[in-house]
C-alpha atoms as a PDB file:
ATOM      1  CA  MET A   1     107.565  82.805  78.392  1.00  0.00           C
ATOM      2  CA  LEU A   2     108.141  86.358  77.193  1.00  0.00           C
ATOM      3  CA  PHE A   3     108.362  89.383  79.420  1.00  0.00           C
ATOM      4  CA  CYS A   4     106.501  91.563  76.951  1.00  0.00           C
ATOM      5  CA  VAL A   5     103.477  89.541  78.011  1.00  0.00           C
ATOM      6  CA  ASP A   6     101.142  91.768  80.013  1.00  0.00           C
ATOM      7  CA  LEU A   7     100.375  91.054  83.664  1.00  0.00           C
ATOM      8  CA  ALA A   8      96.630  91.289  83.536  1.00  0.00           C
ATOM      9  CA  ILE A   9      93.623  90.736  85.780  1.00  0.00           C
ATOM     10  CA  SER A  10      90.181  91.126  84.299  1.00  0.00           C
ATOM     11  CA  SER A  11      90.154  94.475  82.374  1.00  0.00           C
ATOM     12  CA  GLN A  12      93.240  95.814  84.221  1.00  0.00           C
ATOM     13  CA  THR A  13      96.529  95.413  82.299  1.00  0.00           C
ATOM     14  CA  VAL A  14      99.987  96.099  83.606  1.00  0.00           C
ATOM     15  CA  ASN A  15     103.310  95.172  82.196  1.00  0.00           C
ATOM     16  CA  PHE A  16     106.625  95.224  83.984  1.00  0.00           C
ATOM     17  CA  GLU A  17     107.792  98.438  82.382  1.00  0.00           C
ATOM     18  CA  PHE A  18     108.378 101.730  84.132  1.00  0.00           C
ATOM     19  CA  GLU A  19     105.084 102.892  85.620  1.00  0.00           C
ATOM     20  CA  HIS A  20     104.212 106.309  87.054  1.00  0.00           C
ATOM     21  CA  THR A  21     101.490 106.633  89.631  1.00  0.00           C
ATOM     22  CA  ARG A  22      99.452 109.680  90.697  1.00  0.00           C
ATOM     23  CA  ASN A  23      99.804 111.770  93.818  1.00  0.00           C
ATOM     24  CA  GLN A  24      96.599 112.387  95.698  1.00  0.00           C
ATOM     25  CA  LYS A  25      96.300 115.342  98.118  1.00  0.00           C
ATOM     26  CA  ILE A  26      94.990 114.450 101.553  1.00  0.00           C
ATOM     27  CA  ASN A  27      92.356 116.432 103.410  1.00  0.00           C
ATOM     28  CA  LEU A  28      93.982 117.275 106.735  1.00  0.00           C
ATOM     29  CA  PRO A  29      91.450 117.415 109.614  1.00  0.00           C
ATOM     30  CA  PHE A  30      93.273 120.337 111.288  1.00  0.00           C
ATOM     31  CA  GLU A  31      94.673 123.732 110.248  1.00  0.00           C
ATOM     32  CA  VAL A  32      98.401 123.501 109.574  1.00  0.00           C
ATOM     33  CA  ASP A  33     100.815 124.977 107.037  1.00  0.00           C
ATOM     34  CA  VAL A  34     101.799 121.528 105.736  1.00  0.00           C
ATOM     35  CA  GLU A  35     100.669 119.651 102.614  1.00  0.00           C
ATOM     36  CA  LEU A  36     100.341 115.866 102.530  1.00  0.00           C
ATOM     37  CA  TYR A  37     100.064 113.770  99.362  1.00  0.00           C
ATOM     38  CA  ILE A  38      99.812 109.954  98.912  1.00  0.00           C
ATOM     39  CA  LYS A  39     101.518 108.299  95.964  1.00  0.00           C
ATOM     40  CA  ARG A  40      98.986 105.777  94.776  1.00  0.00           C
ATOM     41  CA  GLU A  41     101.232 102.814  94.178  1.00  0.00           C
ATOM     42  CA  ASP A  42      98.327 100.647  95.178  1.00  0.00           C
ATOM     43  CA  GLU A  43      96.772 101.409  91.825  1.00  0.00           C
ATOM     44  CA  LEU A  44      99.605  99.773  89.819  1.00  0.00           C
ATOM     45  CA  HIS A  45      97.696  96.458  89.771  1.00  0.00           C
ATOM     46  CA  ALA A  46      94.655  94.913  91.510  1.00  0.00           C
ATOM     47  CA  PHE A  47      96.773  92.229  93.207  1.00  0.00           C
ATOM     48  CA  VAL A  48     100.522  92.620  92.357  1.00  0.00           C
ATOM     49  CA  SER A  49     100.392  96.185  93.700  1.00  0.00           C
ATOM     50  CA  GLY A  50     102.584  98.733  95.359  1.00  0.00           C
ATOM     51  CA  ASN A  51     106.022  97.742  96.429  1.00  0.00           C
ATOM     52  CA  LYS A  52     105.374  94.060  95.539  1.00  0.00           C
ATOM     53  CA  TYR A  53     105.109  95.054  91.870  1.00  0.00           C
ATOM     54  CA  ARG A  54     108.323  97.071  92.150  1.00  0.00           C
ATOM     55  CA  LYS A  55     110.244  94.323  94.046  1.00  0.00           C
ATOM     56  CA  LEU A  56     109.230  91.534  91.684  1.00  0.00           C
ATOM     57  CA  LYS A  57     109.918  93.405  88.413  1.00  0.00           C
ATOM     58  CA  TYR A  58     113.654  92.803  88.073  1.00  0.00           C
ATOM     59  CA  ASN A  59     113.637  89.538  90.036  1.00  0.00           C
ATOM     60  CA  LEU A  60     111.250  87.961  87.569  1.00  0.00           C
ATOM     61  CA  LYS A  61     113.186  89.316  84.652  1.00  0.00           C
ATOM     62  CA  GLU A  62     116.377  87.801  86.169  1.00  0.00           C
ATOM     63  CA  ALA A  63     114.679  84.456  86.724  1.00  0.00           C
ATOM     64  CA  GLU A  64     113.640  84.298  83.121  1.00  0.00           C
ATOM     65  CA  LYS A  65     117.071  85.427  81.936  1.00  0.00           C
ATOM     66  CA  LEU A  66     118.748  82.651  83.914  1.00  0.00           C
ATOM     67  CA  GLY A  67     116.318  80.046  82.552  1.00  0.00           C
ATOM     68  CA  PHE A  68     114.441  79.195  85.753  1.00  0.00           C
ATOM     69  CA  ASP A  69     110.887  77.924  85.532  1.00  0.00           C
ATOM     70  CA  THR A  70     110.177  77.836  89.309  1.00  0.00           C
ATOM     71  CA  LEU A  71     110.036  80.553  91.961  1.00  0.00           C
ATOM     72  CA  LEU A  72     110.401  79.738  95.682  1.00  0.00           C
ATOM     73  CA  THR A  73     109.800  82.270  98.434  1.00  0.00           C
ATOM     74  CA  PHE A  74     108.729  82.667 102.034  1.00  0.00           C
ATOM     75  CA  GLY A  75     105.835  84.191 103.973  1.00  0.00           C
ATOM     76  CA  GLY A  76     103.269  84.078 106.742  1.00  0.00           C
ATOM     77  CA  ALA A  77      99.559  83.476 106.901  1.00  0.00           C
ATOM     78  CA  PHE A  78      98.426  86.764 105.336  1.00  0.00           C
ATOM     79  CA  SER A  79     101.575  87.620 103.328  1.00  0.00           C
ATOM     80  CA  ASN A  80     101.075  90.090 100.469  1.00  0.00           C
ATOM     81  CA  HIS A  81     104.312  88.803  99.082  1.00  0.00           C
ATOM     82  CA  ILE A  82     103.064  85.188  98.898  1.00  0.00           C
ATOM     83  CA  ALA A  83      99.848  86.243  97.102  1.00  0.00           C
ATOM     84  CA  SER A  84     101.752  88.459  94.637  1.00  0.00           C
ATOM     85  CA  VAL A  85     104.347  85.871  93.754  1.00  0.00           C
ATOM     86  CA  ALA A  86     101.677  83.236  93.240  1.00  0.00           C
ATOM     87  CA  LEU A  87      99.658  85.434  90.832  1.00  0.00           C
ATOM     88  CA  ALA A  88     102.621  86.923  88.974  1.00  0.00           C
ATOM     89  CA  GLY A  89     104.041  83.351  88.535  1.00  0.00           C
ATOM     90  CA  GLN A  90     100.788  82.020  87.283  1.00  0.00           C
ATOM     91  CA  ILE A  91     100.361  84.772  84.709  1.00  0.00           C
ATOM     92  CA  LEU A  92     103.955  84.752  83.494  1.00  0.00           C
ATOM     93  CA  GLY A  93     104.377  80.967  83.341  1.00  0.00           C
ATOM     94  CA  PHE A  94     106.426  80.299  86.444  1.00  0.00           C
ATOM     95  CA  LYS A  95     105.760  77.499  88.846  1.00  0.00           C
ATOM     96  CA  THR A  96     105.652  78.794  92.415  1.00  0.00           C
ATOM     97  CA  ILE A  97     106.445  77.370  95.871  1.00  0.00           C
ATOM     98  CA  GLY A  98     105.623  79.084  99.116  1.00  0.00           C
ATOM     99  CA  VAL A  99     107.477  78.163 102.367  1.00  0.00           C
ATOM    100  CA  ILE A 100     104.866  79.106 104.935  1.00  0.00           C
ATOM    101  CA  ARG A 101     105.577  79.997 108.590  1.00  0.00           C
ATOM    102  CA  GLY A 102     103.349  77.823 110.815  1.00  0.00           C
ATOM    103  CA  GLU A 103     102.757  74.053 110.416  1.00  0.00           C
ATOM    104  CA  GLU A 104      99.183  74.430 111.755  1.00  0.00           C
ATOM    105  CA  LEU A 105      98.241  76.423 108.660  1.00  0.00           C
ATOM    106  CA  SER A 106      98.427  73.334 106.469  1.00  0.00           C
ATOM    107  CA  ALA A 107      94.917  72.461 107.638  1.00  0.00           C
ATOM    108  CA  LYS A 108      93.580  75.920 107.148  1.00  0.00           C
ATOM    109  CA  ILE A 109      94.373  76.746 103.479  1.00  0.00           C
ATOM    110  CA  ASP A 110      90.839  76.928 102.276  1.00  0.00           C
ATOM    111  CA  SER A 111      89.647  79.208 105.124  1.00  0.00           C
ATOM    112  CA  ASN A 112      92.686  81.493 104.829  1.00  0.00           C
ATOM    113  CA  PRO A 113      92.007  84.081 102.093  1.00  0.00           C
ATOM    114  CA  THR A 114      95.680  84.680 101.262  1.00  0.00           C
ATOM    115  CA  LEU A 115      96.707  81.028 101.132  1.00  0.00           C
ATOM    116  CA  SER A 116      93.528  80.002  99.252  1.00  0.00           C
ATOM    117  CA  PHE A 117      94.244  82.724  96.705  1.00  0.00           C
ATOM    118  CA  ALA A 118      97.795  81.517  96.267  1.00  0.00           C
ATOM    119  CA  LYS A 119      96.515  77.925  95.961  1.00  0.00           C
ATOM    120  CA  GLN A 120      94.057  79.020  93.215  1.00  0.00           C
ATOM    121  CA  ASN A 121      97.042  80.409  91.384  1.00  0.00           C
ATOM    122  CA  ALA A 122      98.825  77.051  91.503  1.00  0.00           C
ATOM    123  CA  MET A 123     101.252  77.781  94.269  1.00  0.00           C
ATOM    124  CA  ARG A 124     102.574  74.713  96.109  1.00  0.00           C
ATOM    125  CA  PHE A 125     103.243  74.991  99.814  1.00  0.00           C
ATOM    126  CA  LYS A 126     105.734  73.759 102.341  1.00  0.00           C
ATOM    127  CA  PHE A 127     104.610  74.444 105.896  1.00  0.00           C
ATOM    128  CA  VAL A 128     107.343  74.662 108.515  1.00  0.00           C
ATOM    129  CA  SER A 129     107.482  75.409 112.236  1.00  0.00           C
ATOM    130  CA  ARG A 130     108.276  78.866 113.389  1.00  0.00           C
ATOM    131  CA  GLN A 131     111.650  77.617 114.686  1.00  0.00           C
ATOM    132  CA  THR A 132     112.580  76.119 111.289  1.00  0.00           C
ATOM    133  CA  TYR A 133     111.322  79.276 109.557  1.00  0.00           C
ATOM    134  CA  ARG A 134     113.831  81.363 111.467  1.00  0.00           C
ATOM    135  CA  GLU A 135     116.576  79.362 109.667  1.00  0.00           C
ATOM    136  CA  LYS A 136     115.195  80.224 106.192  1.00  0.00           C
ATOM    137  CA  THR A 137     118.441  81.934 105.101  1.00  0.00           C
ATOM    138  CA  SER A 138     120.831  79.171 106.360  1.00  0.00           C
ATOM    139  CA  GLU A 139     122.791  77.183 103.849  1.00  0.00           C
ATOM    140  CA  ARG A 140     121.577  73.895 105.440  1.00  0.00           C
ATOM    141  CA  PHE A 141     117.886  74.770 105.073  1.00  0.00           C
ATOM    142  CA  LEU A 142     118.268  76.070 101.504  1.00  0.00           C
ATOM    143  CA  THR A 143     120.189  72.923 100.633  1.00  0.00           C
ATOM    144  CA  GLU A 144     117.321  70.870 101.968  1.00  0.00           C
ATOM    145  CA  LEU A 145     114.825  72.875  99.837  1.00  0.00           C
ATOM    146  CA  LYS A 146     116.932  72.382  96.744  1.00  0.00           C
ATOM    147  CA  SER A 147     116.993  68.668  97.452  1.00  0.00           C
ATOM    148  CA  GLU A 148     113.201  68.613  97.803  1.00  0.00           C
ATOM    149  CA  PHE A 149     112.234  70.963  94.942  1.00  0.00           C
ATOM    150  CA  ASN A 150     115.188  70.723  92.617  1.00  0.00           C
ATOM    151  CA  ASN A 151     116.228  73.964  90.839  1.00  0.00           C
ATOM    152  CA  PHE A 152     114.429  77.168  91.696  1.00  0.00           C
ATOM    153  CA  TYR A 153     114.942  80.946  91.669  1.00  0.00           C
ATOM    154  CA  LEU A 154     115.003  82.116  95.230  1.00  0.00           C
ATOM    155  CA  VAL A 155     112.936  85.247  96.049  1.00  0.00           C
ATOM    156  CA  PRO A 156     113.690  86.348  99.650  1.00  0.00           C
ATOM    157  CA  GLU A 157     111.034  86.919 102.227  1.00  0.00           C
ATOM    158  CA  GLY A 158     109.279  90.235 101.463  1.00  0.00           C
ATOM    159  CA  GLY A 159     111.096  90.200  98.090  1.00  0.00           C
ATOM    160  CA  THR A 160     113.982  92.331  99.376  1.00  0.00           C
ATOM    161  CA  ASN A 161     117.333  92.041  97.615  1.00  0.00           C
ATOM    162  CA  THR A 162     119.476  94.189  95.291  1.00  0.00           C
ATOM    163  CA  LEU A 163     117.115  93.705  92.373  1.00  0.00           C
ATOM    164  CA  ALA A 164     114.148  94.564  94.487  1.00  0.00           C
ATOM    165  CA  VAL A 165     115.807  97.813  95.622  1.00  0.00           C
ATOM    166  CA  LYS A 166     116.498  98.581  91.930  1.00  0.00           C
ATOM    167  CA  GLY A 167     112.786  98.289  91.200  1.00  0.00           C
ATOM    168  CA  CYS A 168     111.868 100.484  94.178  1.00  0.00           C
ATOM    169  CA  GLU A 169     114.248 103.170  92.900  1.00  0.00           C
ATOM    170  CA  GLU A 170     111.652 103.729  90.093  1.00  0.00           C
ATOM    171  CA  ILE A 171     108.887 104.805  92.530  1.00  0.00           C
ATOM    172  CA  LEU A 172     109.876 108.471  92.505  1.00  0.00           C
ATOM    173  CA  ARG A 173     109.875 110.699  89.456  1.00  0.00           C
ATOM    174  CA  ASP A 174     112.306 113.444  88.756  1.00  0.00           C
ATOM    175  CA  THR A 175     109.362 115.894  88.856  1.00  0.00           C
ATOM    176  CA  GLU A 176     108.757 115.013  92.539  1.00  0.00           C
ATOM    177  CA  HIS A 177     111.860 116.858  93.770  1.00  0.00           C
ATOM    178  CA  ASN A 178     109.673 119.533  95.313  1.00  0.00           C
ATOM    179  CA  PHE A 179     108.644 117.272  98.168  1.00  0.00           C
ATOM    180  CA  ASP A 180     110.549 117.858 101.417  1.00  0.00           C
ATOM    181  CA  PHE A 181     109.705 114.546 103.060  1.00  0.00           C
ATOM    182  CA  ILE A 182     109.243 111.115 101.513  1.00  0.00           C
ATOM    183  CA  CYS A 183     107.510 108.630 103.888  1.00  0.00           C
ATOM    184  CA  CYS A 184     106.985 104.882 103.577  1.00  0.00           C
ATOM    185  CA  PRO A 185     106.155 101.858 105.660  1.00  0.00           C
ATOM    186  CA  VAL A 186     109.088  99.543 106.451  1.00  0.00           C
ATOM    187  CA  GLY A 187     108.975  95.753 106.571  1.00  0.00           C
ATOM    188  CA  THR A 188     112.143  94.200 105.247  1.00  0.00           C
ATOM    189  CA  GLY A 189     113.781  97.504 104.201  1.00  0.00           C
ATOM    190  CA  GLY A 190     113.760  97.121 100.440  1.00  0.00           C
ATOM    191  CA  THR A 191     111.264  99.907  99.592  1.00  0.00           C
ATOM    192  CA  ILE A 192     112.847 102.597 101.705  1.00  0.00           C
ATOM    193  CA  SER A 193     116.282 101.594 100.427  1.00  0.00           C
ATOM    194  CA  GLY A 194     115.118 102.292  96.895  1.00  0.00           C
ATOM    195  CA  LEU A 195     113.508 105.580  97.907  1.00  0.00           C
ATOM    196  CA  ILE A 196     116.711 106.714  99.679  1.00  0.00           C
ATOM    197  CA  ASN A 197     118.771 105.928  96.613  1.00  0.00           C
ATOM    198  CA  CYS A 198     116.583 107.897  94.284  1.00  0.00           C
ATOM    199  CA  SER A 199     115.834 110.722  96.673  1.00  0.00           C
ATOM    200  CA  LYS A 200     116.923 114.280  95.659  1.00  0.00           C
ATOM    201  CA  PRO A 201     119.177 116.679  97.449  1.00  0.00           C
ATOM    202  CA  GLY A 202     117.271 118.376 100.282  1.00  0.00           C
ATOM    203  CA  GLN A 203     114.750 115.499 100.699  1.00  0.00           C
ATOM    204  CA  GLN A 204     114.440 113.583 103.964  1.00  0.00           C
ATOM    205  CA  VAL A 205     113.198 109.984 103.817  1.00  0.00           C
ATOM    206  CA  LEU A 206     111.256 108.729 106.815  1.00  0.00           C
ATOM    207  CA  GLY A 207     110.436 105.056 107.430  1.00  0.00           C
ATOM    208  CA  PHE A 208     107.745 103.792 109.641  1.00  0.00           C
ATOM    209  CA  PRO A 209     108.566 100.211 110.754  1.00  0.00           C
ATOM    210  CA  ALA A 210     105.642  97.805 111.007  1.00  0.00           C
ATOM    211  CA  LEU A 211     107.591  95.660 113.456  1.00  0.00           C
ATOM    212  CA  LYS A 212     109.835  95.978 116.452  1.00  0.00           C
ATOM    213  CA  GLY A 213     113.574  95.624 116.213  1.00  0.00           C
ATOM    214  CA  ALA A 214     116.634  97.750 115.717  1.00  0.00           C
ATOM    215  CA  PHE A 215     117.920  95.310 113.069  1.00  0.00           C
ATOM    216  CA  LEU A 216     116.201  97.209 110.339  1.00  0.00           C
ATOM    217  CA  GLN A 217     118.751 100.014 110.510  1.00  0.00           C
ATOM    218  CA  ASP A 218     121.552  97.558 109.618  1.00  0.00           C
ATOM    219  CA  ASP A 219     119.487  95.903 106.939  1.00  0.00           C
ATOM    220  CA  ILE A 220     118.808  99.159 105.131  1.00  0.00           C
ATOM    221  CA  SER A 221     122.363 100.285 105.432  1.00  0.00           C
ATOM    222  CA  LYS A 222     123.452  97.345 103.322  1.00  0.00           C
ATOM    223  CA  PHE A 223     121.645  98.920 100.300  1.00  0.00           C
ATOM    224  CA  VAL A 224     122.230 102.649 100.740  1.00  0.00           C
ATOM    225  CA  SER A 225     125.053 105.149 101.012  1.00  0.00           C
ATOM    226  CA  LYS A 226     123.105 108.324 101.669  1.00  0.00           C
ATOM    227  CA  THR A 227     122.398 109.536 105.187  1.00  0.00           C
ATOM    228  CA  ASN A 228     119.145 111.468 104.617  1.00  0.00           C
ATOM    229  CA  TRP A 229     116.921 108.997 106.292  1.00  0.00           C
ATOM    230  CA  GLU A 230     115.493 108.117 109.605  1.00  0.00           C
ATOM    231  CA  LEU A 231     113.265 105.369 111.077  1.00  0.00           C
ATOM    232  CA  ILE A 232     110.293 106.552 113.139  1.00  0.00           C
ATOM    233  CA  ALA A 233     109.762 103.566 115.473  1.00  0.00           C
ATOM    234  CA  ASP A 234     106.849 104.775 117.546  1.00  0.00           C
ATOM    235  CA  TYR A 235     103.911 103.530 115.477  1.00  0.00           C
ATOM    236  CA  HIS A 236     104.144  99.817 115.136  1.00  0.00           C
ATOM    237  CA  PHE A 237     101.256  99.260 117.561  1.00  0.00           C
ATOM    238  CA  GLY A 238     103.063  96.555 119.449  1.00  0.00           C
ATOM    239  CA  GLY A 239     104.718  94.731 116.582  1.00  0.00           C
ATOM    240  CA  TYR A 240     104.153  93.063 113.266  1.00  0.00           C
ATOM    241  CA  GLY A 241     100.488  92.194 112.651  1.00  0.00           C
ATOM    242  CA  LYS A 242      99.366  93.949 115.797  1.00  0.00           C
ATOM    243  CA  VAL A 243      96.247  95.945 115.388  1.00  0.00           C
ATOM    244  CA  ASN A 244      93.901  97.598 117.862  1.00  0.00           C
ATOM    245  CA  ALA A 245      90.588  99.479 117.779  1.00  0.00           C
ATOM    246  CA  GLU A 246      92.284 102.879 117.591  1.00  0.00           C
ATOM    247  CA  LEU A 247      94.112 101.934 114.432  1.00  0.00           C
ATOM    248  CA  VAL A 248      91.008 100.376 112.831  1.00  0.00           C
ATOM    249  CA  ASP A 249      88.946 103.498 113.608  1.00  0.00           C
ATOM    250  CA  PHE A 250      91.692 105.677 112.008  1.00  0.00           C
ATOM    251  CA  ILE A 251      91.800 103.556 108.858  1.00  0.00           C
ATOM    252  CA  ASN A 252      88.021 103.678 108.496  1.00  0.00           C
ATOM    253  CA  GLN A 253      87.846 107.441 109.125  1.00  0.00           C
ATOM    254  CA  PHE A 254      90.703 108.094 106.636  1.00  0.00           C
ATOM    255  CA  LYS A 255      88.880 106.119 103.956  1.00  0.00           C
ATOM    256  CA  LEU A 256      85.659 108.065 104.665  1.00  0.00           C
ATOM    257  CA  GLU A 257      87.458 111.417 104.292  1.00  0.00           C
ATOM    258  CA  ASN A 258      89.779 110.593 101.436  1.00  0.00           C
ATOM    259  CA  ASN A 259      88.360 107.612  99.647  1.00  0.00           C
ATOM    260  CA  ILE A 260      91.630 105.745  99.999  1.00  0.00           C
ATOM    261  CA  GLN A 261      91.766 102.191 101.504  1.00  0.00           C
ATOM    262  CA  LEU A 262      94.719 101.656 103.879  1.00  0.00           C
ATOM    263  CA  ASP A 263      95.912  98.289 105.001  1.00  0.00           C
ATOM    264  CA  PRO A 264      96.383  97.721 108.780  1.00  0.00           C
ATOM    265  CA  ILE A 265      99.922  96.234 108.666  1.00  0.00           C
ATOM    266  CA  TYR A 266     101.831  98.847 106.720  1.00  0.00           C
ATOM    267  CA  THR A 267     100.131 101.953 105.242  1.00  0.00           C
ATOM    268  CA  GLY A 268      97.568 102.354 108.101  1.00  0.00           C
ATOM    269  CA  LYS A 269     100.366 102.545 110.692  1.00  0.00           C
ATOM    270  CA  MET A 270     102.393 104.940 108.572  1.00  0.00           C
ATOM    271  CA  LEU A 271      99.529 107.331 107.966  1.00  0.00           C
ATOM    272  CA  PHE A 272      98.572 107.191 111.645  1.00  0.00           C
ATOM    273  CA  GLY A 273     102.149 108.157 112.467  1.00  0.00           C
ATOM    274  CA  ILE A 274     102.350 110.926 109.870  1.00  0.00           C
ATOM    275  CA  MET A 275      99.108 112.527 111.061  1.00  0.00           C
ATOM    276  CA  ASP A 276     100.273 112.350 114.666  1.00  0.00           C
ATOM    277  CA  LEU A 277     103.625 113.918 113.767  1.00  0.00           C
ATOM    278  CA  ILE A 278     101.790 116.734 111.886  1.00  0.00           C
ATOM    279  CA  LYS A 279      99.719 117.510 114.942  1.00  0.00           C
ATOM    280  CA  LYS A 280     102.920 117.559 117.092  1.00  0.00           C
ATOM    281  CA  GLN A 281     104.462 120.025 114.616  1.00  0.00           C
ATOM    282  CA  TYR A 282     107.256 117.643 113.692  1.00  0.00           C
ATOM    283  CA  PHE A 283     107.284 118.961 110.145  1.00  0.00           C
ATOM    284  CA  PRO A 284     108.444 122.541 109.596  1.00  0.00           C
ATOM    285  CA  SER A 285     105.954 125.111 108.374  1.00  0.00           C
ATOM    286  CA  GLY A 286     105.513 125.003 104.613  1.00  0.00           C
ATOM    287  CA  SER A 287     106.599 121.336 104.299  1.00  0.00           C
ATOM    288  CA  LYS A 288     105.345 119.140 101.482  1.00  0.00           C
ATOM    289  CA  ILE A 289     105.143 115.440 102.431  1.00  0.00           C
ATOM    290  CA  LEU A 290     104.774 112.542 100.016  1.00  0.00           C
ATOM    291  CA  ALA A 291     103.641 109.244 101.613  1.00  0.00           C
ATOM    292  CA  ILE A 292     103.995 106.077  99.593  1.00  0.00           C
ATOM    293  CA  HIS A 293     101.034 103.726  99.517  1.00  0.00           C
ATOM    294  CA  THR A 294     102.661 100.249  99.238  1.00  0.00           C
ATOM    295  CA  GLY A 295      99.464  98.334  98.470  1.00  0.00           C
ATOM    296  CA  GLY A 296      98.863  95.172 100.477  1.00  0.00           C
ATOM    297  CA  LEU A 297      95.068  95.498 100.504  1.00  0.00           C
ATOM    298  CA  GLN A 298      94.505  91.752  99.906  1.00  0.00           C
ATOM    299  CA  GLY A 299      95.429  91.148 103.585  1.00  0.00           C
ATOM    300  CA  ILE A 300      92.393  93.133 104.936  1.00  0.00           C
ATOM    301  CA  VAL A 301      89.983  90.211 104.641  1.00  0.00           C
ATOM    302  CA  GLY A 302      92.272  87.934 106.648  1.00  0.00           C
ATOM    303  CA  MET A 303      92.863  90.607 109.321  1.00  0.00           C
ATOM    304  CA  ASN A 304      89.105  91.158 109.670  1.00  0.00           C
ATOM    305  CA  GLN A 305      88.821  87.465 110.459  1.00  0.00           C
ATOM    306  CA  VAL A 306      91.343  87.945 113.247  1.00  0.00           C
ATOM    307  CA  LEU A 307      89.628  91.150 114.446  1.00  0.00           C
ATOM    308  CA  LYS A 308      86.317  89.427 114.583  1.00  0.00           C
ATOM    309  CA  THR A 309      87.632  86.703 116.947  1.00  0.00           C
ATOM    310  CA  LYS A 310      88.836  89.419 119.314  1.00  0.00           C
ATOM    311  CA  ASN A 311      85.537  91.319 119.225  1.00  0.00           C
ATOM    312  CA  LEU A 312      87.319  94.362 117.727  1.00  0.00           C
ATOM    313  CA  PRO A 313      85.834  96.691 115.114  1.00  0.00           C
ATOM    314  CA  LEU A 314      86.355  95.607 111.486  1.00  0.00           C
ATOM    315  CA  ILE A 315      88.092  97.451 108.655  1.00  0.00           C
ATOM    316  CA  GLU A 316      85.516  98.712 106.141  1.00  0.00           C
ATOM    317  CA  ILE A 317      86.181  97.522 102.591  1.00  0.00           C
END
C-alpha cells in the first residue's frame, strides 16, 4: 500500500497532496455592498470531498506509517464520515470498521444509502445502542473494541483530531488574505480549528454549528490559540439533522440561482445563516466573505427519505 496511489473514482482522480479549490462568486438576491464567495471544497472528490478529504489526509498517512491495515471509526445513519472512510479505505487498501449509532439500523443496511454504500466498499459494522455510543471515547469501550477487532487505527467521530486540524489548515491559500470573513459549518470543530490556525491578520472566522450545545467552544479551544473567531449559534434549525421546509426551499432556490448543491446538515444551514446576516447588515460595508463548502452531498438521498416520511418538500438533486 503506497500513498502515491491515486484516490480515484471513475474518471476523477485525486491524490492526498496539497489541493487548491476554486472560489465561486455568489449572486446575492438583494442590493448590498458585500461580496460573497464559496470555496468549492466539494469539488475535491466525488465522495471523499470537502473537509472529509482534508481530515483523512494526514490520518491515513499516519496509519500507513505506523503499519496499521485496519481503520475503525464512528458515525450515524447518514454519516458523511462513515461513507468517506469506507471508500478511502477500500481504494488505499485498508480494512474498515464502522461503529454505528443505533442498533435498529442493523436491519436497514440495504435501505440506507450511506450504510449500503459503506458496505459496498467492504466496511464491517458494529451497531450499538445510543447509550453505548455516548461512551465511545471511554477506555473501557475502546478496550472492548480492541478485544473484538484486534489492532486498528482509531479515527475519531467526524475525523477530528490534531492530524485532521493539520489537514484543514491547508484549505486556505496565502492569496486569500483579501477576505475579511471566513465562514464554515461546524460539527466536531476540526475544520474551523484548521481555518482559525491558518487565518491571516485582520480576518474573522465565523462558525455555524449544525447542532446545539455550548461544548463546541471548549472543543475548538483545544486546537487553537488565536481569538479571531466566533460561533453563530442561531441557525441549527433545532439541532443536528433537523431540517424543515424553509431550509429545503432555501437550498433548492440557492441551487437554482447559483448552480451549487448544498447539503441540509451543514452547508445549507451555514449559507442560510450568512444570507440572513447579510440582510441584517451584520457585515460591514465593503466586506468580502468566503464560505467553505465542506461537501457532504452523499447524505442528501438519505435525508430525502426522511423528508418524504414527514410530507416535507424534497431537496432537488
